[in-house]
Amino acid sequence: MVRTILRSVILLCLVISMFDAGPRQCFAEPLQLRMNSQFTASATGSKIDQWFADEVSKATDGEVKIKIFWSGVLGDPKENLTLLRSGSIDMAGMSSAYFPSELPFFSAPNSLPMTMVNLKQSSSLMPKLMSEVPEFREEAARQNIRPLFFHLLNPYLLVSKTPITSLEDLKGKKVRTWGDDLPKLFSAAGAVPVTILIHELYESLEHGVVDATPFSIDMVKTYKLYEVAKHISEVVIWMGPAWGVWINEEVWNRISPPNKEKILAVAEKAREKDLDETAEAAAAARPFLVENGVQFHAFPAEQLAKWKAAAPDFYADWISRMAETGKGNEAKRTVDIMKRIHEEYK
């Protein structure tokens, strides 16, 4: 009797596989993927990541499940690439700008200052770069990783403990930075760059380790920085594609082709959803911050012009650095696309 039932179940599975997009492993355990995120669960993009994880489970009928560990529980943000590349974690929500040596092309749009100015530019950029510059795909492949989609962040304005409305106000200020280029931007203004991670920001501002930081206003709300920094200067320090959702390449290859297609479809929906919800988060954050005592300050155009004149040509410098590695033409193509996107969605 038992054998008869077992044969019937096996036969049913074979019949299902004939009509499905691919053979189902009827008795296989779901593929459980562990994702380390550098952000808190309450961040706008983190909610998108959780939506993505839930939708992947639904789309694959539970064959692929993603468990997200928030705030770097599985490893420090600067360890993400090593952990992901080695397969110690399956997925990561990580900023490529933390790894300028290993991911120089992915790092550029995630760190070059004062390039993009609105969300539409940022949203359009990475799909263009991934499709038109093969070096992006090749760079990821060399690290044994694959990006699924990239988040957006609202403009990074200058959040500070005291008002900053001129270059003079920036002199001597300790400012949180990251990557290779942002420190040069603040050094040009006479400030002192300090490298710290996001989860260290609150205490660093509270205890005077830093006096200011570039940050989006919705993230100021999420991380409660308004409790320790009551001033925001309306100058866009950085804007662009933010952290990516990445997967280990070997793990990706274990996923069936039909499920890969479903995951990529969910990833594209997540990217579109991220654009709308990021804009909504900024709209909600501004009145909240004002109600909690934050003051917004204009940053005069002439002061911004002086700052840009004192700063390096970040595009040219990056191209030069990439030329030293034999990737100068690819870097020029990347910059051309960034400039084109800037003009198309100006």
C-alpha atoms as a PDB file:
ATOM      1  CA  MET A   1       0.000   0.000   0.000  1.00  0.00           C
ATOM      2  CA  VAL A   2       2.762   2.442   0.978  1.00  0.00           C
ATOM      3  CA  ARG A   3       4.708   1.632  -2.181  1.00  0.00           C
ATOM      4  CA  THR A   4       1.616   2.208  -4.271  1.00  0.00           C
ATOM      5  CA  ILE A   5       1.093   5.653  -2.703  1.00  0.00           C
ATOM      6  CA  LEU A   6       4.761   6.548  -3.187  1.00  0.00           C
ATOM      7  CA  ARG A   7       4.647   5.523  -6.854  1.00  0.00           C
ATOM      8  CA  SER A   8       1.520   7.631  -7.303  1.00  0.00           C
ATOM      9  CA  VAL A   9       3.203  10.699  -5.789  1.00  0.00           C
ATOM     10  CA  ILE A  10       6.271  10.270  -7.985  1.00  0.00           C
ATOM     11  CA  LEU A  11       4.060   9.876 -11.055  1.00  0.00           C
ATOM     12  CA  LEU A  12       2.179  13.043 -10.096  1.00  0.00           C
ATOM     13  CA  CYS A  13       5.453  14.960  -9.799  1.00  0.00           C
ATOM     14  CA  LEU A  14       6.524  13.791 -13.238  1.00  0.00           C
ATOM     15  CA  VAL A  15       3.215  14.860 -14.742  1.00  0.00           C
ATOM     16  CA  ILE A  16       3.482  18.298 -13.107  1.00  0.00           C
ATOM     17  CA  SER A  17       7.009  18.730 -14.444  1.00  0.00           C
ATOM     18  CA  MET A  18       5.760  18.188 -18.000  1.00  0.00           C
ATOM     19  CA  PHE A  19       3.515  21.235 -17.759  1.00  0.00           C
ATOM     20  CA  ASP A  20       5.692  23.435 -15.557  1.00  0.00           C
ATOM     21  CA  ALA A  21       8.452  25.823 -16.696  1.00  0.00           C
ATOM     22  CA  GLY A  22      10.997  23.314 -15.414  1.00  0.00           C
ATOM     23  CA  PRO A  23      11.185  20.112 -13.408  1.00  0.00           C
ATOM     24  CA  ARG A  24      10.234  20.468  -9.792  1.00  0.00           C
ATOM     25  CA  GLN A  25      12.190  18.746  -7.105  1.00  0.00           C
ATOM     26  CA  CYS A  26       9.168  17.437  -5.294  1.00  0.00           C
ATOM     27  CA  PHE A  27      11.001  16.254  -2.241  1.00  0.00           C
ATOM     28  CA  ALA A  28      13.798  18.887  -2.183  1.00  0.00           C
ATOM     29  CA  GLU A  29      14.162  21.276   0.716  1.00  0.00           C
ATOM     30  CA  PRO A  30      13.675  24.981  -0.119  1.00  0.00           C
ATOM     31  CA  LEU A  31      16.856  26.879  -0.884  1.00  0.00           C
ATOM     32  CA  GLN A  32      17.344  28.998   2.247  1.00  0.00           C
ATOM     33  CA  LEU A  33      19.471  32.078   1.558  1.00  0.00           C
ATOM     34  CA  ARG A  34      21.013  34.227   4.300  1.00  0.00           C
ATOM     35  CA  MET A  35      21.355  37.920   3.499  1.00  0.00           C
ATOM     36  CA  ASN A  36      23.439  40.314   5.586  1.00  0.00           C
ATOM     37  CA  SER A  37      22.208  43.920   5.442  1.00  0.00           C
ATOM     38  CA  GLN A  38      24.226  46.899   6.639  1.00  0.00           C
ATOM     39  CA  PHE A  39      21.030  48.843   7.363  1.00  0.00           C
ATOM     40  CA  THR A  40      18.355  48.761  10.036  1.00  0.00           C
ATOM     41  CA  ALA A  41      15.038  47.079   9.282  1.00  0.00           C
ATOM     42  CA  SER A  42      13.204  50.423   9.565  1.00  0.00           C
ATOM     43  CA  ALA A  43      15.032  52.170   6.702  1.00  0.00           C
ATOM     44  CA  THR A  44      12.927  52.826   3.590  1.00  0.00           C
ATOM     45  CA  GLY A  45      15.144  50.646   1.412  1.00  0.00           C
ATOM     46  CA  SER A  46      15.164  47.898   4.025  1.00  0.00           C
ATOM     47  CA  LYS A  47      11.397  47.656   3.784  1.00  0.00           C
ATOM     48  CA  ILE A  48      11.823  47.202   0.036  1.00  0.00           C
ATOM     49  CA  ASP A  49      14.370  44.458   0.702  1.00  0.00           C
ATOM     50  CA  GLN A  50      11.922  42.651   2.975  1.00  0.00           C
ATOM     51  CA  TRP A  51       9.207  43.023   0.325  1.00  0.00           C
ATOM     52  CA  PHE A  52      11.647  41.593  -2.223  1.00  0.00           C
ATOM     53  CA  ALA A  53      12.417  38.618   0.016  1.00  0.00           C
ATOM     54  CA  ASP A  54       8.717  37.930   0.613  1.00  0.00           C
ATOM     55  CA  GLU A  55       7.873  38.229  -3.084  1.00  0.00           C
ATOM     56  CA  VAL A  56      10.712  35.910  -4.107  1.00  0.00           C
ATOM     57  CA  SER A  57       9.277  33.232  -1.831  1.00  0.00           C
ATOM     58  CA  LYS A  58       5.830  33.704  -3.357  1.00  0.00           C
ATOM     59  CA  ALA A  59       7.067  33.803  -6.952  1.00  0.00           C
ATOM     60  CA  THR A  60       9.107  30.619  -6.548  1.00  0.00           C
ATOM     61  CA  ASP A  61       6.371  28.786  -4.621  1.00  0.00           C
ATOM     62  CA  GLY A  62       8.622  28.669  -1.590  1.00  0.00           C
ATOM     63  CA  GLU A  63      11.495  27.009  -3.442  1.00  0.00           C
ATOM     64  CA  VAL A  64      13.764  30.002  -2.718  1.00  0.00           C
ATOM     65  CA  LYS A  65      13.536  31.730   0.652  1.00  0.00           C
ATOM     66  CA  ILE A  66      15.566  34.748   1.815  1.00  0.00           C
ATOM     67  CA  LYS A  67      16.211  35.486   5.487  1.00  0.00           C
ATOM     68  CA  ILE A  68      17.558  38.997   6.082  1.00  0.00           C
ATOM     69  CA  PHE A  69      19.822  39.782   9.032  1.00  0.00           C
ATOM     70  CA  TRP A  70      19.708  43.518   9.719  1.00  0.00           C
ATOM     71  CA  SER A  71      22.367  45.955  10.947  1.00  0.00           C
ATOM     72  CA  GLY A  72      25.282  43.740  10.019  1.00  0.00           C
ATOM     73  CA  VAL A  73      24.382  40.853  12.343  1.00  0.00           C
ATOM     74  CA  LEU A  74      26.298  38.392  10.139  1.00  0.00           C
ATOM     75  CA  GLY A  75      29.304  40.655   9.710  1.00  0.00           C
ATOM     76  CA  ASP A  76      30.541  44.238   9.707  1.00  0.00           C
ATOM     77  CA  PRO A  77      29.568  46.202   6.546  1.00  0.00           C
ATOM     78  CA  LYS A  78      33.225  46.325   5.476  1.00  0.00           C
ATOM     79  CA  GLU A  79      33.368  42.517   5.683  1.00  0.00           C
ATOM     80  CA  ASN A  80      30.397  42.001   3.364  1.00  0.00           C
ATOM     81  CA  LEU A  81      32.384  41.570   0.161  1.00  0.00           C
ATOM     82  CA  THR A  82      34.750  39.007   1.661  1.00  0.00           C
ATOM     83  CA  LEU A  83      31.880  37.106   3.262  1.00  0.00           C
ATOM     84  CA  LEU A  84      29.804  37.150   0.082  1.00  0.00           C
ATOM     85  CA  ARG A  85      32.656  36.299  -2.278  1.00  0.00           C
ATOM     86  CA  SER A  86      33.672  33.303  -0.164  1.00  0.00           C
ATOM     87  CA  GLY A  87      30.121  32.034   0.248  1.00  0.00           C
ATOM     88  CA  SER A  88      30.106  32.582   4.025  1.00  0.00           C
ATOM     89  CA  ILE A  89      26.869  34.460   3.372  1.00  0.00           C
ATOM     90  CA  ASP A  90      24.587  33.909   0.379  1.00  0.00           C
ATOM     91  CA  MET A  91      23.456  37.492  -0.192  1.00  0.00           C
ATOM     92  CA  ALA A  92      24.274  40.987   1.012  1.00  0.00           C
ATOM     93  CA  GLY A  93      22.718  44.414   1.080  1.00  0.00           C
ATOM     94  CA  MET A  94      25.960  46.354   0.710  1.00  0.00           C
ATOM     95  CA  SER A  95      27.351  49.643  -0.565  1.00  0.00           C
ATOM     96  CA  SER A  96      29.982  49.124  -3.252  1.00  0.00           C
ATOM     97  CA  ALA A  97      31.694  52.396  -2.263  1.00  0.00           C
ATOM     98  CA  TYR A  98      33.108  50.582   0.780  1.00  0.00           C
ATOM     99  CA  PHE A  99      35.220  48.546  -1.668  1.00  0.00           C
ATOM    100  CA  PRO A 100      36.798  51.013  -4.130  1.00  0.00           C
ATOM    101  CA  SER A 101      39.786  48.738  -4.811  1.00  0.00           C
ATOM    102  CA  GLU A 102      37.815  45.570  -5.528  1.00  0.00           C
ATOM    103  CA  LEU A 103      34.744  47.228  -7.123  1.00  0.00           C
ATOM    104  CA  PRO A 104      36.054  50.481  -8.671  1.00  0.00           C
ATOM    105  CA  PHE A 105      33.385  50.683 -11.384  1.00  0.00           C
ATOM    106  CA  PHE A 106      30.463  49.936  -9.085  1.00  0.00           C
ATOM    107  CA  SER A 107      31.969  52.313  -6.527  1.00  0.00           C
ATOM    108  CA  ALA A 108      32.106  55.312  -8.875  1.00  0.00           C
ATOM    109  CA  PRO A 109      28.352  56.090  -9.133  1.00  0.00           C
ATOM    110  CA  ASN A 110      28.031  55.194  -5.445  1.00  0.00           C
ATOM    111  CA  SER A 111      30.644  57.712  -4.339  1.00  0.00           C
ATOM    112  CA  LEU A 112      31.570  60.404  -6.894  1.00  0.00           C
ATOM    113  CA  PRO A 113      30.251  63.620  -5.302  1.00  0.00           C
ATOM    114  CA  MET A 114      28.033  66.295  -6.829  1.00  0.00           C
ATOM    115  CA  THR A 115      27.081  64.350  -9.975  1.00  0.00           C
ATOM    116  CA  MET A 116      23.389  63.296  -9.911  1.00  0.00           C
ATOM    117  CA  VAL A 117      20.750  65.712  -8.608  1.00  0.00           C
ATOM    118  CA  ASN A 118      17.413  63.849  -8.716  1.00  0.00           C
ATOM    119  CA  LEU A 119      15.944  60.397  -8.173  1.00  0.00           C
ATOM    120  CA  LYS A 120      15.086  59.764 -11.829  1.00  0.00           C
ATOM    121  CA  GLN A 121      18.737  60.182 -12.795  1.00  0.00           C
ATOM    122  CA  SER A 122      19.830  57.813 -10.049  1.00  0.00           C
ATOM    123  CA  SER A 123      17.189  55.208 -10.899  1.00  0.00           C
ATOM    124  CA  SER A 124      18.083  55.165 -14.597  1.00  0.00           C
ATOM    125  CA  LEU A 125      21.833  55.044 -14.146  1.00  0.00           C
ATOM    126  CA  MET A 126      22.715  51.496 -13.038  1.00  0.00           C
ATOM    127  CA  PRO A 127      20.565  49.660 -15.630  1.00  0.00           C
ATOM    128  CA  LYS A 128      22.256  51.747 -18.340  1.00  0.00           C
ATOM    129  CA  LEU A 129      25.744  51.097 -17.017  1.00  0.00           C
ATOM    130  CA  MET A 130      25.111  47.382 -16.579  1.00  0.00           C
ATOM    131  CA  SER A 131      23.806  47.003 -20.134  1.00  0.00           C
ATOM    132  CA  GLU A 132      26.231  49.316 -21.957  1.00  0.00           C
ATOM    133  CA  VAL A 133      29.536  48.841 -20.114  1.00  0.00           C
ATOM    134  CA  PRO A 134      30.581  45.149 -19.980  1.00  0.00           C
ATOM    135  CA  GLU A 135      33.227  45.953 -17.349  1.00  0.00           C
ATOM    136  CA  PHE A 136      30.501  46.184 -14.691  1.00  0.00           C
ATOM    137  CA  ARG A 137      29.411  42.593 -15.244  1.00  0.00           C
ATOM    138  CA  GLU A 138      33.012  41.441 -15.545  1.00  0.00           C
ATOM    139  CA  GLU A 139      34.014  43.230 -12.338  1.00  0.00           C
ATOM    140  CA  ALA A 140      31.239  41.474 -10.431  1.00  0.00           C
ATOM    141  CA  ALA A 141      32.188  38.121 -11.960  1.00  0.00           C
ATOM    142  CA  ARG A 142      35.794  38.525 -10.826  1.00  0.00           C
ATOM    143  CA  GLN A 143      34.505  38.881  -7.272  1.00  0.00           C
ATOM    144  CA  ASN A 144      32.202  35.846  -7.603  1.00  0.00           C
ATOM    145  CA  ILE A 145      29.124  38.017  -6.982  1.00  0.00           C
ATOM    146  CA  ARG A 146      26.111  39.250  -8.939  1.00  0.00           C
ATOM    147  CA  PRO A 147      23.970  42.378  -8.365  1.00  0.00           C
ATOM    148  CA  LEU A 148      20.206  41.897  -8.519  1.00  0.00           C
ATOM    149  CA  PHE A 149      19.104  45.516  -8.134  1.00  0.00           C
ATOM    150  CA  PHE A 150      20.237  48.796  -6.625  1.00  0.00           C
ATOM    151  CA  HIS A 151      18.500  51.056  -4.165  1.00  0.00           C
ATOM    152  CA  LEU A 152      18.097  54.798  -4.287  1.00  0.00           C
ATOM    153  CA  LEU A 153      18.737  57.345  -1.602  1.00  0.00           C
ATOM    154  CA  ASN A 154      17.370  60.835  -1.403  1.00  0.00           C
ATOM    155  CA  PRO A 155      19.887  63.662  -1.841  1.00  0.00           C
ATOM    156  CA  TYR A 156      22.628  63.615   0.745  1.00  0.00           C
ATOM    157  CA  LEU A 157      22.472  67.072   2.264  1.00  0.00           C
ATOM    158  CA  LEU A 158      24.882  68.334   4.918  1.00  0.00           C
ATOM    159  CA  VAL A 159      23.668  67.464   8.422  1.00  0.00           C
ATOM    160  CA  SER A 160      25.530  69.261  11.208  1.00  0.00           C
ATOM    161  CA  LYS A 161      25.556  70.240  14.879  1.00  0.00           C
ATOM    162  CA  THR A 162      25.951  73.949  14.038  1.00  0.00           C
ATOM    163  CA  PRO A 163      24.761  75.927  10.983  1.00  0.00           C
ATOM    164  CA  ILE A 164      26.922  75.619   7.847  1.00  0.00           C
ATOM    165  CA  THR A 165      26.179  78.157   5.136  1.00  0.00           C
ATOM    166  CA  SER A 166      29.636  78.924   3.732  1.00  0.00           C
ATOM    167  CA  LEU A 167      33.070  77.430   3.113  1.00  0.00           C
ATOM    168  CA  GLU A 168      34.297  79.361   6.129  1.00  0.00           C
ATOM    169  CA  ASP A 169      31.827  77.458   8.304  1.00  0.00           C
ATOM    170  CA  LEU A 170      33.285  74.174   7.031  1.00  0.00           C
ATOM    171  CA  LYS A 171      36.894  74.960   7.941  1.00  0.00           C
ATOM    172  CA  GLY A 172      38.155  72.617  10.636  1.00  0.00           C
ATOM    173  CA  LYS A 173      34.874  70.719  10.852  1.00  0.00           C
ATOM    174  CA  LYS A 174      35.192  66.945  11.190  1.00  0.00           C
ATOM    175  CA  VAL A 175      32.952  65.408   8.534  1.00  0.00           C
ATOM    176  CA  ARG A 176      32.015  61.777   8.057  1.00  0.00           C
ATOM    177  CA  THR A 177      33.036  60.540   4.585  1.00  0.00           C
ATOM    178  CA  TRP A 178      33.531  57.284   2.690  1.00  0.00           C
ATOM    179  CA  GLY A 179      35.265  56.050  -0.456  1.00  0.00           C
ATOM    180  CA  ASP A 180      38.148  57.684  -2.298  1.00  0.00           C
ATOM    181  CA  ASP A 181      36.573  60.922  -3.521  1.00  0.00           C
ATOM    182  CA  LEU A 182      34.316  62.369  -0.845  1.00  0.00           C
ATOM    183  CA  PRO A 183      37.259  63.004   1.514  1.00  0.00           C
ATOM    184  CA  LYS A 184      38.852  65.146  -1.230  1.00  0.00           C
ATOM    185  CA  LEU A 185      35.671  67.195  -1.584  1.00  0.00           C
ATOM    186  CA  PHE A 186      35.670  68.151   2.090  1.00  0.00           C
ATOM    187  CA  SER A 187      39.424  68.625   2.260  1.00  0.00           C
ATOM    188  CA  ALA A 188      39.030  71.193  -0.536  1.00  0.00           C
ATOM    189  CA  ALA A 189      36.667  73.113   1.770  1.00  0.00           C
ATOM    190  CA  GLY A 190      39.111  72.990   4.686  1.00  0.00           C
ATOM    191  CA  ALA A 191      37.187  70.310   6.580  1.00  0.00           C
ATOM    192  CA  VAL A 192      38.662  67.170   8.145  1.00  0.00           C
ATOM    193  CA  PRO A 193      37.373  63.903   6.613  1.00  0.00           C
ATOM    194  CA  VAL A 194      36.647  61.083   9.075  1.00  0.00           C
ATOM    195  CA  THR A 195      35.781  57.549   7.941  1.00  0.00           C
ATOM    196  CA  ILE A 196      33.063  55.952  10.070  1.00  0.00           C
ATOM    197  CA  LEU A 197      30.241  53.547   9.293  1.00  0.00           C
ATOM    198  CA  ILE A 198      26.552  54.372   9.367  1.00  0.00           C
ATOM    199  CA  HIS A 199      25.795  52.499  12.583  1.00  0.00           C
ATOM    200  CA  GLU A 200      28.440  54.642  14.329  1.00  0.00           C
ATOM    201  CA  LEU A 201      26.942  57.967  13.225  1.00  0.00           C
ATOM    202  CA  TYR A 202      24.650  58.761  16.152  1.00  0.00           C
ATOM    203  CA  GLU A 203      27.275  58.320  18.849  1.00  0.00           C
ATOM    204  CA  SER A 204      29.939  59.977  16.707  1.00  0.00           C
ATOM    205  CA  LEU A 205      27.816  63.113  16.388  1.00  0.00           C
ATOM    206  CA  GLU A 206      26.743  62.946  20.015  1.00  0.00           C
ATOM    207  CA  HIS A 207      30.309  62.753  21.328  1.00  0.00           C
ATOM    208  CA  GLY A 208      31.967  65.094  18.831  1.00  0.00           C
ATOM    209  CA  VAL A 209      33.873  62.471  16.862  1.00  0.00           C
ATOM    210  CA  VAL A 210      32.360  64.220  13.848  1.00  0.00           C
ATOM    211  CA  ASP A 211      30.646  67.594  13.545  1.00  0.00           C
ATOM    212  CA  ALA A 212      28.739  66.908  10.342  1.00  0.00           C
ATOM    213  CA  THR A 213      27.803  64.223   7.854  1.00  0.00           C
ATOM    214  CA  PRO A 214      26.227  63.996   4.407  1.00  0.00           C
ATOM    215  CA  PHE A 215      22.896  62.198   4.869  1.00  0.00           C
ATOM    216  CA  SER A 216      19.413  62.083   3.375  1.00  0.00           C
ATOM    217  CA  ILE A 217      16.632  63.645   5.407  1.00  0.00           C
ATOM    218  CA  ASP A 218      14.604  60.433   5.616  1.00  0.00           C
ATOM    219  CA  MET A 219      17.671  58.627   6.974  1.00  0.00           C
ATOM    220  CA  VAL A 220      18.152  61.438   9.500  1.00  0.00           C
ATOM    221  CA  LYS A 221      14.680  60.521  10.706  1.00  0.00           C
ATOM    222  CA  THR A 222      15.302  56.745  10.607  1.00  0.00           C
ATOM    223  CA  TYR A 223      18.569  56.925  12.549  1.00  0.00           C
ATOM    224  CA  LYS A 224      17.271  59.667  14.875  1.00  0.00           C
ATOM    225  CA  LEU A 225      20.180  61.972  14.075  1.00  0.00           C
ATOM    226  CA  TYR A 226      17.846  64.928  14.638  1.00  0.00           C
ATOM    227  CA  GLU A 227      18.368  64.299  18.354  1.00  0.00           C
ATOM    228  CA  VAL A 228      22.080  65.145  18.117  1.00  0.00           C
ATOM    229  CA  ALA A 229      22.337  67.315  14.956  1.00  0.00           C
ATOM    230  CA  LYS A 230      19.771  70.093  14.526  1.00  0.00           C
ATOM    231  CA  HIS A 231      20.971  71.746  11.295  1.00  0.00           C
ATOM    232  CA  ILE A 232      20.730  70.736   7.642  1.00  0.00           C
ATOM    233  CA  SER A 233      22.335  72.715   4.815  1.00  0.00           C
ATOM    234  CA  GLU A 234      20.487  72.516   1.497  1.00  0.00           C
ATOM    235  CA  VAL A 235      23.503  71.520  -0.614  1.00  0.00           C
ATOM    236  CA  VAL A 236      23.536  68.189  -2.458  1.00  0.00           C
ATOM    237  CA  ILE A 237      26.795  66.538  -1.485  1.00  0.00           C
ATOM    238  CA  TRP A 238      26.047  63.230  -3.142  1.00  0.00           C
ATOM    239  CA  MET A 239      23.218  61.501  -4.917  1.00  0.00           C
ATOM    240  CA  GLY A 240      23.152  58.347  -6.943  1.00  0.00           C
ATOM    241  CA  PRO A 241      22.436  54.635  -6.863  1.00  0.00           C
ATOM    242  CA  ALA A 242      22.944  53.416  -3.327  1.00  0.00           C
ATOM    243  CA  TRP A 243      23.500  49.962  -1.884  1.00  0.00           C
ATOM    244  CA  GLY A 244      22.854  46.921  -3.988  1.00  0.00           C
ATOM    245  CA  VAL A 245      21.253  43.590  -3.251  1.00  0.00           C
ATOM    246  CA  TRP A 246      23.938  41.088  -4.245  1.00  0.00           C
ATOM    247  CA  ILE A 247      24.102  37.302  -4.426  1.00  0.00           C
ATOM    248  CA  ASN A 248      27.040  34.902  -4.459  1.00  0.00           C
ATOM    249  CA  GLU A 249      27.545  33.650  -8.032  1.00  0.00           C
ATOM    250  CA  GLU A 250      27.791  29.989  -7.033  1.00  0.00           C
ATOM    251  CA  VAL A 251      24.568  30.283  -5.064  1.00  0.00           C
ATOM    252  CA  TRP A 252      22.927  31.930  -8.073  1.00  0.00           C
ATOM    253  CA  ASN A 253      23.986  28.994 -10.241  1.00  0.00           C
ATOM    254  CA  ARG A 254      22.221  26.595  -7.868  1.00  0.00           C
ATOM    255  CA  ILE A 255      18.880  28.264  -8.640  1.00  0.00           C
ATOM    256  CA  SER A 256      16.844  26.780 -11.497  1.00  0.00           C
ATOM    257  CA  PRO A 257      16.523  28.898 -14.689  1.00  0.00           C
ATOM    258  CA  PRO A 258      12.764  29.434 -14.210  1.00  0.00           C
ATOM    259  CA  ASN A 259      13.312  30.654 -10.654  1.00  0.00           C
ATOM    260  CA  LYS A 260      16.140  32.922 -11.789  1.00  0.00           C
ATOM    261  CA  GLU A 261      13.739  34.597 -14.212  1.00  0.00           C
ATOM    262  CA  LYS A 262      11.167  35.015 -11.457  1.00  0.00           C
ATOM    263  CA  ILE A 263      13.734  36.508  -9.061  1.00  0.00           C
ATOM    264  CA  LEU A 264      14.933  38.995 -11.688  1.00  0.00           C
ATOM    265  CA  ALA A 265      11.334  40.006 -12.403  1.00  0.00           C
ATOM    266  CA  VAL A 266      10.760  40.653  -8.693  1.00  0.00           C
ATOM    267  CA  ALA A 267      14.045  42.590  -8.549  1.00  0.00           C
ATOM    268  CA  GLU A 268      12.880  44.915 -11.330  1.00  0.00           C
ATOM    269  CA  LYS A 269       9.591  45.520  -9.511  1.00  0.00           C
ATOM    270  CA  ALA A 270      11.568  46.261  -6.340  1.00  0.00           C
ATOM    271  CA  ARG A 271      13.664  48.848  -8.218  1.00  0.00           C
ATOM    272  CA  GLU A 272      10.517  50.587  -9.473  1.00  0.00           C
ATOM    273  CA  LYS A 273       8.873  50.418  -6.062  1.00  0.00           C
ATOM    274  CA  ASP A 274      12.012  51.869  -4.494  1.00  0.00           C
ATOM    275  CA  LEU A 275      11.788  54.999  -6.676  1.00  0.00           C
ATOM    276  CA  ASP A 276       8.276  55.872  -5.482  1.00  0.00           C
ATOM    277  CA  GLU A 277       8.781  55.033  -1.830  1.00  0.00           C
ATOM    278  CA  THR A 278      12.097  56.868  -1.591  1.00  0.00           C
ATOM    279  CA  ALA A 279      10.451  60.071  -2.807  1.00  0.00           C
ATOM    280  CA  GLU A 280       7.557  59.589  -0.388  1.00  0.00           C
ATOM    281  CA  ALA A 281       9.972  59.070   2.509  1.00  0.00           C
ATOM    282  CA  ALA A 282      11.648  62.430   1.865  1.00  0.00           C
ATOM    283  CA  ALA A 283       8.303  64.210   1.654  1.00  0.00           C
ATOM    284  CA  ALA A 284       7.266  62.764   5.010  1.00  0.00           C
ATOM    285  CA  ALA A 285      10.610  63.388   6.716  1.00  0.00           C
ATOM    286  CA  ARG A 286      10.923  67.144   6.194  1.00  0.00           C
ATOM    287  CA  PRO A 287       7.904  68.268   8.275  1.00  0.00           C
ATOM    288  CA  PHE A 288       8.751  65.651  10.904  1.00  0.00           C
ATOM    289  CA  LEU A 289      12.265  67.060  11.284  1.00  0.00           C
ATOM    290  CA  VAL A 290      11.022  70.636  11.489  1.00  0.00           C
ATOM    291  CA  GLU A 291       8.592  69.597  14.222  1.00  0.00           C
ATOM    292  CA  ASN A 292      11.543  68.096  16.104  1.00  0.00           C
ATOM    293  CA  GLY A 293      13.588  71.277  16.048  1.00  0.00           C
ATOM    294  CA  VAL A 294      15.706  70.804  12.926  1.00  0.00           C
ATOM    295  CA  GLN A 295      16.536  73.989  11.003  1.00  0.00           C
ATOM    296  CA  PHE A 296      17.091  73.935   7.244  1.00  0.00           C
ATOM    297  CA  HIS A 297      19.595  76.450   5.853  1.00  0.00           C
ATOM    298  CA  ALA A 298      20.166  77.669   2.304  1.00  0.00           C
ATOM    299  CA  PHE A 299      23.683  77.208   0.960  1.00  0.00           C
ATOM    300  CA  PRO A 300      24.395  80.208  -1.322  1.00  0.00           C
ATOM    301  CA  ALA A 301      25.101  79.474  -4.988  1.00  0.00           C
ATOM    302  CA  GLU A 302      28.298  81.513  -4.938  1.00  0.00           C
ATOM    303  CA  GLN A 303      29.627  79.461  -2.036  1.00  0.00           C
ATOM    304  CA  LEU A 304      28.821  76.240  -3.891  1.00  0.00           C
ATOM    305  CA  ALA A 305      30.587  77.570  -7.004  1.00  0.00           C
ATOM    306  CA  LYS A 306      33.696  78.389  -4.944  1.00  0.00           C
ATOM    307  CA  TRP A 307      33.609  74.919  -3.409  1.00  0.00           C
ATOM    308  CA  LYS A 308      33.376  73.189  -6.791  1.00  0.00           C
ATOM    309  CA  ALA A 309      36.208  75.362  -8.140  1.00  0.00           C
ATOM    310  CA  ALA A 310      38.439  74.351  -5.217  1.00  0.00           C
ATOM    311  CA  ALA A 311      37.603  70.643  -5.524  1.00  0.00           C
ATOM    312  CA  PRO A 312      39.245  68.225  -7.959  1.00  0.00           C
ATOM    313  CA  ASP A 313      37.644  67.187 -11.254  1.00  0.00           C
ATOM    314  CA  PHE A 314      36.330  63.912  -9.871  1.00  0.00           C
ATOM    315  CA  TYR A 315      35.384  62.480 -13.259  1.00  0.00           C
ATOM    316  CA  ALA A 316      38.835  63.154 -14.718  1.00  0.00           C
ATOM    317  CA  ASP A 317      40.608  61.848 -11.640  1.00  0.00           C
ATOM    318  CA  TRP A 318      38.629  58.615 -11.655  1.00  0.00           C
ATOM    319  CA  ILE A 319      39.261  58.056 -15.364  1.00  0.00           C
ATOM    320  CA  SER A 320      42.964  58.621 -14.734  1.00  0.00           C
ATOM    321  CA  ARG A 321      43.012  56.068 -11.914  1.00  0.00           C
ATOM    322  CA  MET A 322      41.218  53.514 -14.070  1.00  0.00           C
ATOM    323  CA  ALA A 323      43.617  54.173 -16.965  1.00  0.00           C
ATOM    324  CA  GLU A 324      46.451  53.063 -14.706  1.00  0.00           C
ATOM    325  CA  THR A 325      44.732  49.666 -14.426  1.00  0.00           C
ATOM    326  CA  GLY A 326      44.175  49.430 -18.181  1.00  0.00           C
ATOM    327  CA  LYS A 327      40.483  50.368 -17.925  1.00  0.00           C
ATOM    328  CA  GLY A 328      40.652  53.976 -19.126  1.00  0.00           C
ATOM    329  CA  ASN A 329      38.335  53.496 -22.127  1.00  0.00           C
ATOM    330  CA  GLU A 330      35.731  51.730 -20.002  1.00  0.00           C
ATOM    331  CA  ALA A 331      35.934  54.541 -17.450  1.00  0.00           C
ATOM    332  CA  LYS A 332      35.436  57.201 -20.141  1.00  0.00           C
ATOM    333  CA  ARG A 333      32.395  55.328 -21.406  1.00  0.00           C
ATOM    334  CA  THR A 334      31.016  55.153 -17.867  1.00  0.00           C
ATOM    335  CA  VAL A 335      31.464  58.900 -17.345  1.00  0.00           C
ATOM    336  CA  ASP A 336      29.890  59.661 -20.730  1.00  0.00           C
ATOM    337  CA  ILE A 337      26.803  57.680 -19.698  1.00  0.00           C
ATOM    338  CA  MET A 338      26.659  59.449 -16.325  1.00  0.00           C
ATOM    339  CA  LYS A 339      26.789  62.839 -18.051  1.00  0.00           C
ATOM    340  CA  ARG A 340      24.185  61.750 -20.583  1.00  0.00           C
ATOM    341  CA  ILE A 341      21.799  60.551 -17.869  1.00  0.00           C
ATOM    342  CA  HIS A 342      22.317  63.843 -16.026  1.00  0.00           C
ATOM    343  CA  GLU A 343      21.234  65.803 -19.110  1.00  0.00           C
ATOM    344  CA  GLU A 344      18.372  63.497 -20.125  1.00  0.00           C
ATOM    345  CA  TYR A 345      16.632  63.798 -16.753  1.00  0.00           C
ATOM    346  CA  LYS A 346      17.765  67.281 -15.810  1.00  0.00           C
END
